[in-house]
Amino acid sequence: MLNSQLHLVYDGRRIRWTKDFCSLKEFIKDVVGLSGKWKSPSGGAKQFEGFDCDFVMTWYPGKDIIAIATVDVAWSLRSWRALS
């Protein structure tokens, strides 16, 4: 499980964000270190697309689930595990 102080939880199947959207935006910018564009595709979901990398993440606030789609899956897993 990732550090609960970061409000990022891995339950063995999914990554969950346990705080609000503003905190998630700060986390992606300040802790993960990515800059990009946020948009709202549908149903209240919030999607982040990185500017300088092939990183796309969607947060579903009703379920607190984060879905990550990236061309470099190994980069994504290493980066998220480094936050633990």
PDB file of N, CA and C in Angstrom:
ATOM      1  N   MET A   1       0.848  -1.180   0.000  1.00  0.00           N
ATOM      2  CA  MET A   1       0.000   0.000   0.000  1.00  0.00           C
ATOM      3  C   MET A   1       0.889   1.237   0.000  1.00  0.00           C
ATOM      4  N   LEU A   2       0.501   2.230  -0.762  1.00  0.00           N
ATOM      5  CA  LEU A   2       1.253   3.466  -0.807  1.00  0.00           C
ATOM      6  C   LEU A   2       1.002   4.285   0.448  1.00  0.00           C
ATOM      7  N   ASN A   3       1.858   5.223   0.697  1.00  0.00           N
ATOM      8  CA  ASN A   3       1.806   6.067   1.879  1.00  0.00           C
ATOM      9  C   ASN A   3       0.432   6.721   2.039  1.00  0.00           C
ATOM     10  N   SER A   4      -0.242   6.399   3.143  1.00  0.00           N
ATOM     11  CA  SER A   4      -1.587   6.937   3.349  1.00  0.00           C
ATOM     12  C   SER A   4      -1.570   8.437   3.597  1.00  0.00           C
ATOM     13  N   GLN A   5      -0.440   9.001   4.016  1.00  0.00           N
ATOM     14  CA  GLN A   5      -0.359  10.440   4.204  1.00  0.00           C
ATOM     15  C   GLN A   5      -0.490  11.168   2.870  1.00  0.00           C
ATOM     16  N   LEU A   6      -0.199  10.499   1.787  1.00  0.00           N
ATOM     17  CA  LEU A   6      -0.337  11.090   0.461  1.00  0.00           C
ATOM     18  C   LEU A   6      -1.762  10.940  -0.069  1.00  0.00           C
ATOM     19  N   HIS A   7      -2.595  10.221   0.657  1.00  0.00           N
ATOM     20  CA  HIS A   7      -3.985   9.996   0.280  1.00  0.00           C
ATOM     21  C   HIS A   7      -4.116   9.199  -1.008  1.00  0.00           C
ATOM     22  N   LEU A   8      -3.100   8.408  -1.285  1.00  0.00           N
ATOM     23  CA  LEU A   8      -3.081   7.534  -2.448  1.00  0.00           C
ATOM     24  C   LEU A   8      -3.036   6.113  -1.917  1.00  0.00           C
ATOM     25  N   VAL A   9      -4.017   5.295  -2.290  1.00  0.00           N
ATOM     26  CA  VAL A   9      -4.134   3.953  -1.746  1.00  0.00           C
ATOM     27  C   VAL A   9      -4.225   2.948  -2.886  1.00  0.00           C
ATOM     28  N   TYR A  10      -3.464   1.878  -2.793  1.00  0.00           N
ATOM     29  CA  TYR A  10      -3.567   0.776  -3.744  1.00  0.00           C
ATOM     30  C   TYR A  10      -4.171  -0.404  -3.002  1.00  0.00           C
ATOM     31  N   ASP A  11      -5.326  -0.886  -3.458  1.00  0.00           N
ATOM     32  CA  ASP A  11      -6.036  -1.956  -2.745  1.00  0.00           C
ATOM     33  C   ASP A  11      -5.787  -3.346  -3.330  1.00  0.00           C
ATOM     34  N   GLY A  12      -4.773  -3.473  -4.172  1.00  0.00           N
ATOM     35  CA  GLY A  12      -4.475  -4.749  -4.806  1.00  0.00           C
ATOM     36  C   GLY A  12      -5.063  -4.861  -6.210  1.00  0.00           C
ATOM     37  N   ARG A  13      -6.036  -4.000  -6.507  1.00  0.00           N
ATOM     38  CA  ARG A  13      -6.658  -3.973  -7.837  1.00  0.00           C
ATOM     39  C   ARG A  13      -6.671  -2.590  -8.443  1.00  0.00           C
ATOM     40  N   ARG A  14      -6.889  -1.587  -7.599  1.00  0.00           N
ATOM     41  CA  ARG A  14      -7.061  -0.225  -8.087  1.00  0.00           C
ATOM     42  C   ARG A  14      -6.267   0.761  -7.254  1.00  0.00           C
ATOM     43  N   ILE A  15      -5.954   1.880  -7.899  1.00  0.00           N
ATOM     44  CA  ILE A  15      -5.358   3.010  -7.184  1.00  0.00           C
ATOM     45  C   ILE A  15      -6.501   3.957  -6.850  1.00  0.00           C
ATOM     46  N   ARG A  16      -6.538   4.403  -5.602  1.00  0.00           N
ATOM     47  CA  ARG A  16      -7.602   5.310  -5.164  1.00  0.00           C
ATOM     48  C   ARG A  16      -6.999   6.594  -4.607  1.00  0.00           C
ATOM     49  N   TRP A  17      -7.667   7.696  -4.860  1.00  0.00           N
ATOM     50  CA  TRP A  17      -7.300   8.996  -4.288  1.00  0.00           C
ATOM     51  C   TRP A  17      -8.387   9.339  -3.280  1.00  0.00           C
ATOM     52  N   THR A  18      -8.003   9.560  -2.014  1.00  0.00           N
ATOM     53  CA  THR A  18      -8.987   9.703  -0.948  1.00  0.00           C
ATOM     54  C   THR A  18      -9.298  11.146  -0.561  1.00  0.00           C
ATOM     55  N   LYS A  19      -8.720  12.101  -1.265  1.00  0.00           N
ATOM     56  CA  LYS A  19      -9.032  13.506  -0.979  1.00  0.00           C
ATOM     57  C   LYS A  19      -9.771  14.133  -2.151  1.00  0.00           C
ATOM     58  N   ASP A  20      -9.874  15.437  -2.144  1.00  0.00           N
ATOM     59  CA  ASP A  20     -10.632  16.145  -3.169  1.00  0.00           C
ATOM     60  C   ASP A  20      -9.798  16.408  -4.430  1.00  0.00           C
ATOM     61  N   PHE A  21     -10.473  16.949  -5.441  1.00  0.00           N
ATOM     62  CA  PHE A  21      -9.844  17.186  -6.740  1.00  0.00           C
ATOM     63  C   PHE A  21      -8.712  18.206  -6.661  1.00  0.00           C
ATOM     64  N   CYS A  22      -8.905  19.281  -5.903  1.00  0.00           N
ATOM     65  CA  CYS A  22      -7.849  20.302  -5.777  1.00  0.00           C
ATOM     66  C   CYS A  22      -6.578  19.703  -5.195  1.00  0.00           C
ATOM     67  N   SER A  23      -6.715  18.822  -4.234  1.00  0.00           N
ATOM     68  CA  SER A  23      -5.550  18.148  -3.642  1.00  0.00           C
ATOM     69  C   SER A  23      -4.879  17.227  -4.646  1.00  0.00           C
ATOM     70  N   LEU A  24      -5.679  16.565  -5.484  1.00  0.00           N
ATOM     71  CA  LEU A  24      -5.120  15.691  -6.519  1.00  0.00           C
ATOM     72  C   LEU A  24      -4.307  16.504  -7.520  1.00  0.00           C
ATOM     73  N   LYS A  25      -4.828  17.662  -7.927  1.00  0.00           N
ATOM     74  CA  LYS A  25      -4.089  18.527  -8.856  1.00  0.00           C
ATOM     75  C   LYS A  25      -2.755  18.959  -8.259  1.00  0.00           C
ATOM     76  N   GLU A  26      -2.751  19.336  -7.001  1.00  0.00           N
ATOM     77  CA  GLU A  26      -1.509  19.728  -6.324  1.00  0.00           C
ATOM     78  C   GLU A  26      -0.543  18.556  -6.238  1.00  0.00           C
ATOM     79  N   PHE A  27      -1.060  17.368  -5.938  1.00  0.00           N
ATOM     80  CA  PHE A  27      -0.240  16.164  -5.831  1.00  0.00           C
ATOM     81  C   PHE A  27       0.451  15.855  -7.161  1.00  0.00           C
ATOM     82  N   ILE A  28      -0.295  15.896  -8.264  1.00  0.00           N
ATOM     83  CA  ILE A  28       0.282  15.598  -9.584  1.00  0.00           C
ATOM     84  C   ILE A  28       1.357  16.626  -9.929  1.00  0.00           C
ATOM     85  N   LYS A  29       1.103  17.876  -9.638  1.00  0.00           N
ATOM     86  CA  LYS A  29       2.057  18.939  -9.969  1.00  0.00           C
ATOM     87  C   LYS A  29       3.277  18.927  -9.054  1.00  0.00           C
ATOM     88  N   ASP A  30       3.054  18.908  -7.739  1.00  0.00           N
ATOM     89  CA  ASP A  30       4.140  19.101  -6.776  1.00  0.00           C
ATOM     90  C   ASP A  30       4.873  17.820  -6.380  1.00  0.00           C
ATOM     91  N   VAL A  31       4.155  16.717  -6.220  1.00  0.00           N
ATOM     92  CA  VAL A  31       4.785  15.472  -5.762  1.00  0.00           C
ATOM     93  C   VAL A  31       5.234  14.617  -6.935  1.00  0.00           C
ATOM     94  N   VAL A  32       4.345  14.398  -7.891  1.00  0.00           N
ATOM     95  CA  VAL A  32       4.700  13.586  -9.063  1.00  0.00           C
ATOM     96  C   VAL A  32       5.580  14.381 -10.014  1.00  0.00           C
ATOM     97  N   GLY A  33       5.369  15.696 -10.055  1.00  0.00           N
ATOM     98  CA  GLY A  33       6.226  16.559 -10.859  1.00  0.00           C
ATOM     99  C   GLY A  33       5.851  16.651 -12.325  1.00  0.00           C
ATOM    100  N   LEU A  34       4.568  16.473 -12.638  1.00  0.00           N
ATOM    101  CA  LEU A  34       4.126  16.552 -14.021  1.00  0.00           C
ATOM    102  C   LEU A  34       3.328  17.828 -14.257  1.00  0.00           C
ATOM    103  N   SER A  35       3.530  18.402 -15.428  1.00  0.00           N
ATOM    104  CA  SER A  35       2.684  19.524 -15.843  1.00  0.00           C
ATOM    105  C   SER A  35       1.844  19.029 -17.007  1.00  0.00           C
ATOM    106  N   GLY A  36       0.624  19.550 -17.099  1.00  0.00           N
ATOM    107  CA  GLY A  36      -0.261  19.101 -18.156  1.00  0.00           C
ATOM    108  C   GLY A  36      -1.573  19.826 -18.116  1.00  0.00           C
ATOM    109  N   LYS A  37      -2.555  19.238 -18.763  1.00  0.00           N
ATOM    110  CA  LYS A  37      -3.868  19.849 -18.897  1.00  0.00           C
ATOM    111  C   LYS A  37      -4.923  18.950 -18.261  1.00  0.00           C
ATOM    112  N   TRP A  38      -5.805  19.554 -17.482  1.00  0.00           N
ATOM    113  CA  TRP A  38      -6.938  18.853 -16.878  1.00  0.00           C
ATOM    114  C   TRP A  38      -8.184  19.143 -17.700  1.00  0.00           C
ATOM    115  N   LYS A  39      -9.035  18.139 -17.863  1.00  0.00           N
ATOM    116  CA  LYS A  39     -10.322  18.334 -18.506  1.00  0.00           C
ATOM    117  C   LYS A  39     -11.352  17.407 -17.859  1.00  0.00           C
ATOM    118  N   SER A  40     -12.609  17.647 -18.155  1.00  0.00           N
ATOM    119  CA  SER A  40     -13.708  16.841 -17.611  1.00  0.00           C
ATOM    120  C   SER A  40     -14.404  16.125 -18.757  1.00  0.00           C
ATOM    121  N   PRO A  41     -14.034  14.857 -19.030  1.00  0.00           N
ATOM    122  CA  PRO A  41     -14.603  14.161 -20.182  1.00  0.00           C
ATOM    123  C   PRO A  41     -16.086  13.820 -20.041  1.00  0.00           C
ATOM    124  N   SER A  42     -16.530  13.323 -18.885  1.00  0.00           N
ATOM    125  CA  SER A  42     -17.950  13.000 -18.694  1.00  0.00           C
ATOM    126  C   SER A  42     -18.196  12.487 -17.287  1.00  0.00           C
ATOM    127  N   GLY A  43     -19.427  12.587 -16.846  1.00  0.00           N
ATOM    128  CA  GLY A  43     -19.841  12.005 -15.578  1.00  0.00           C
ATOM    129  C   GLY A  43     -19.096  12.504 -14.356  1.00  0.00           C
ATOM    130  N   GLY A  44     -18.538  13.697 -14.412  1.00  0.00           N
ATOM    131  CA  GLY A  44     -17.807  14.238 -13.272  1.00  0.00           C
ATOM    132  C   GLY A  44     -16.359  13.794 -13.200  1.00  0.00           C
ATOM    133  N   ALA A  45     -15.942  12.900 -14.099  1.00  0.00           N
ATOM    134  CA  ALA A  45     -14.554  12.442 -14.114  1.00  0.00           C
ATOM    135  C   ALA A  45     -13.622  13.600 -14.465  1.00  0.00           C
ATOM    136  N   LYS A  46     -12.400  13.534 -13.957  1.00  0.00           N
ATOM    137  CA  LYS A  46     -11.372  14.529 -14.252  1.00  0.00           C
ATOM    138  C   LYS A  46     -10.198  13.807 -14.894  1.00  0.00           C
ATOM    139  N   GLN A  47      -9.756  14.313 -16.040  1.00  0.00           N
ATOM    140  CA  GLN A  47      -8.671  13.657 -16.772  1.00  0.00           C
ATOM    141  C   GLN A  47      -7.476  14.596 -16.906  1.00  0.00           C
ATOM    142  N   PHE A  48      -6.295  14.044 -16.648  1.00  0.00           N
ATOM    143  CA  PHE A  48      -5.045  14.782 -16.762  1.00  0.00           C
ATOM    144  C   PHE A  48      -4.242  14.198 -17.911  1.00  0.00           C
ATOM    145  N   GLU A  49      -3.730  15.064 -18.779  1.00  0.00           N
ATOM    146  CA  GLU A  49      -2.826  14.655 -19.859  1.00  0.00           C
ATOM    147  C   GLU A  49      -1.529  15.419 -19.688  1.00  0.00           C
ATOM    148  N   GLY A  50      -0.421  14.688 -19.522  1.00  0.00           N
ATOM    149  CA  GLY A  50       0.875  15.311 -19.352  1.00  0.00           C
ATOM    150  C   GLY A  50       1.364  15.980 -20.624  1.00  0.00           C
ATOM    151  N   PHE A  51       2.020  17.130 -20.463  1.00  0.00           N
ATOM    152  CA  PHE A  51       2.550  17.859 -21.616  1.00  0.00           C
ATOM    153  C   PHE A  51       3.800  17.205 -22.198  1.00  0.00           C
ATOM    154  N   ASP A  52       4.724  16.809 -21.351  1.00  0.00           N
ATOM    155  CA  ASP A  52       6.035  16.344 -21.810  1.00  0.00           C
ATOM    156  C   ASP A  52       6.217  14.839 -21.733  1.00  0.00           C
ATOM    157  N   CYS A  53       5.123  14.099 -21.597  1.00  0.00           N
ATOM    158  CA  CYS A  53       5.229  12.642 -21.520  1.00  0.00           C
ATOM    159  C   CYS A  53       3.918  12.021 -21.985  1.00  0.00           C
ATOM    160  N   ASP A  54       3.947  10.730 -22.247  1.00  0.00           N
ATOM    161  CA  ASP A  54       2.744  10.012 -22.655  1.00  0.00           C
ATOM    162  C   ASP A  54       2.036   9.482 -21.412  1.00  0.00           C
ATOM    163  N   PHE A  55       1.503  10.389 -20.608  1.00  0.00           N
ATOM    164  CA  PHE A  55       0.850  10.025 -19.357  1.00  0.00           C
ATOM    165  C   PHE A  55      -0.561  10.597 -19.360  1.00  0.00           C
ATOM    166  N   VAL A  56      -1.545   9.717 -19.216  1.00  0.00           N
ATOM    167  CA  VAL A  56      -2.934  10.127 -19.112  1.00  0.00           C
ATOM    168  C   VAL A  56      -3.527   9.437 -17.891  1.00  0.00           C
ATOM    169  N   MET A  57      -4.200  10.221 -17.049  1.00  0.00           N
ATOM    170  CA  MET A  57      -4.785   9.689 -15.834  1.00  0.00           C
ATOM    171  C   MET A  57      -6.202  10.227 -15.714  1.00  0.00           C
ATOM    172  N   THR A  58      -7.134   9.361 -15.347  1.00  0.00           N
ATOM    173  CA  THR A  58      -8.515   9.784 -15.133  1.00  0.00           C
ATOM    174  C   THR A  58      -8.912   9.445 -13.706  1.00  0.00           C
ATOM    175  N   TRP A  59      -9.517  10.421 -13.031  1.00  0.00           N
ATOM    176  CA  TRP A  59      -9.993  10.238 -11.661  1.00  0.00           C
ATOM    177  C   TRP A  59     -11.513  10.242 -11.681  1.00  0.00           C
ATOM    178  N   TYR A  60     -12.100   9.233 -11.059  1.00  0.00           N
ATOM    179  CA  TYR A  60     -13.549   9.108 -10.960  1.00  0.00           C
ATOM    180  C   TYR A  60     -13.943   9.414  -9.520  1.00  0.00           C
ATOM    181  N   PRO A  61     -14.400  10.633  -9.238  1.00  0.00           N
ATOM    182  CA  PRO A  61     -14.595  11.080  -7.858  1.00  0.00           C
ATOM    183  C   PRO A  61     -15.625  10.307  -7.054  1.00  0.00           C
ATOM    184  N   GLY A  62     -16.663   9.788  -7.666  1.00  0.00           N
ATOM    185  CA  GLY A  62     -17.668   9.039  -6.913  1.00  0.00           C
ATOM    186  C   GLY A  62     -17.126   7.750  -6.327  1.00  0.00           C
ATOM    187  N   LYS A  63     -16.124   7.179  -7.001  1.00  0.00           N
ATOM    188  CA  LYS A  63     -15.516   5.930  -6.558  1.00  0.00           C
ATOM    189  C   LYS A  63     -14.092   6.137  -6.076  1.00  0.00           C
ATOM    190  N   ASP A  64     -13.572   7.348  -6.221  1.00  0.00           N
ATOM    191  CA  ASP A  64     -12.198   7.699  -5.852  1.00  0.00           C
ATOM    192  C   ASP A  64     -11.163   6.875  -6.597  1.00  0.00           C
ATOM    193  N   ILE A  65     -11.517   6.345  -7.773  1.00  0.00           N
ATOM    194  CA  ILE A  65     -10.617   5.470  -8.531  1.00  0.00           C
ATOM    195  C   ILE A  65      -9.804   6.294  -9.527  1.00  0.00           C
ATOM    196  N   ILE A  66      -8.524   5.945  -9.630  1.00  0.00           N
ATOM    197  CA  ILE A  66      -7.637   6.551 -10.617  1.00  0.00           C
ATOM    198  C   ILE A  66      -7.295   5.491 -11.658  1.00  0.00           C
ATOM    199  N   ALA A  67      -7.527   5.813 -12.919  1.00  0.00           N
ATOM    200  CA  ALA A  67      -7.149   4.942 -14.025  1.00  0.00           C
ATOM    201  C   ALA A  67      -5.989   5.611 -14.752  1.00  0.00           C
ATOM    202  N   ILE A  68      -4.901   4.866 -14.959  1.00  0.00           N
ATOM    203  CA  ILE A  68      -3.715   5.407 -15.616  1.00  0.00           C
ATOM    204  C   ILE A  68      -3.550   4.735 -16.969  1.00  0.00           C
ATOM    205  N   ALA A  69      -3.361   5.550 -17.984  1.00  0.00           N
ATOM    206  CA  ALA A  69      -3.079   5.052 -19.330  1.00  0.00           C
ATOM    207  C   ALA A  69      -1.820   5.755 -19.803  1.00  0.00           C
ATOM    208  N   THR A  70      -0.793   4.989 -20.088  1.00  0.00           N
ATOM    209  CA  THR A  70       0.462   5.568 -20.557  1.00  0.00           C
ATOM    210  C   THR A  70       1.117   4.615 -21.533  1.00  0.00           C
ATOM    211  N   VAL A  71       1.849   5.157 -22.477  1.00  0.00           N
ATOM    212  CA  VAL A  71       2.567   4.315 -23.429  1.00  0.00           C
ATOM    213  C   VAL A  71       3.665   3.542 -22.711  1.00  0.00           C
ATOM    214  N   ASP A  72       4.325   4.184 -21.772  1.00  0.00           N
ATOM    215  CA  ASP A  72       5.414   3.556 -21.027  1.00  0.00           C
ATOM    216  C   ASP A  72       4.893   3.079 -19.679  1.00  0.00           C
ATOM    217  N   VAL A  73       4.301   1.884 -19.661  1.00  0.00           N
ATOM    218  CA  VAL A  73       3.709   1.346 -18.434  1.00  0.00           C
ATOM    219  C   VAL A  73       4.766   1.163 -17.353  1.00  0.00           C
ATOM    220  N   ALA A  74       5.954   0.738 -17.713  1.00  0.00           N
ATOM    221  CA  ALA A  74       7.021   0.549 -16.722  1.00  0.00           C
ATOM    222  C   ALA A  74       7.340   1.866 -16.027  1.00  0.00           C
ATOM    223  N   TRP A  75       7.378   2.977 -16.771  1.00  0.00           N
ATOM    224  CA  TRP A  75       7.627   4.284 -16.162  1.00  0.00           C
ATOM    225  C   TRP A  75       6.548   4.597 -15.143  1.00  0.00           C
ATOM    226  N   SER A  76       5.309   4.340 -15.518  1.00  0.00           N
ATOM    227  CA  SER A  76       4.185   4.639 -14.639  1.00  0.00           C
ATOM    228  C   SER A  76       4.280   3.858 -13.339  1.00  0.00           C
ATOM    229  N   LEU A  77       4.522   2.569 -13.413  1.00  0.00           N
ATOM    230  CA  LEU A  77       4.599   1.742 -12.199  1.00  0.00           C
ATOM    231  C   LEU A  77       5.778   2.148 -11.319  1.00  0.00           C
ATOM    232  N   ARG A  78       6.931   2.418 -11.923  1.00  0.00           N
ATOM    233  CA  ARG A  78       8.090   2.853 -11.138  1.00  0.00           C
ATOM    234  C   ARG A  78       7.801   4.176 -10.428  1.00  0.00           C
ATOM    235  N   SER A  79       7.176   5.098 -11.146  1.00  0.00           N
ATOM    236  CA  SER A  79       6.898   6.416 -10.581  1.00  0.00           C
ATOM    237  C   SER A  79       5.928   6.331  -9.417  1.00  0.00           C
ATOM    238  N   TRP A  80       4.845   5.570  -9.554  1.00  0.00           N
ATOM    239  CA  TRP A  80       3.876   5.469  -8.472  1.00  0.00           C
ATOM    240  C   TRP A  80       4.449   4.718  -7.286  1.00  0.00           C
ATOM    241  N   ARG A  81       5.248   3.685  -7.528  1.00  0.00           N
ATOM    242  CA  ARG A  81       5.848   2.927  -6.416  1.00  0.00           C
ATOM    243  C   ARG A  81       6.875   3.775  -5.677  1.00  0.00           C
ATOM    244  N   ALA A  82       7.536   4.673  -6.379  1.00  0.00           N
ATOM    245  CA  ALA A  82       8.528   5.553  -5.730  1.00  0.00           C
ATOM    246  C   ALA A  82       7.890   6.480  -4.716  1.00  0.00           C
ATOM    247  N   LEU A  83       6.593   6.672  -4.807  1.00  0.00           N
ATOM    248  CA  LEU A  83       5.900   7.568  -3.887  1.00  0.00           C
ATOM    249  C   LEU A  83       5.572   6.887  -2.563  1.00  0.00           C
ATOM    250  N   SER A  84       5.805   5.588  -2.478  1.00  0.00           N
ATOM    251  CA  SER A  84       5.461   4.865  -1.235  1.00  0.00           C
ATOM    252  C   SER A  84       6.502   5.120  -0.149  1.00  0.00           C
TER     253      SER A  84
END
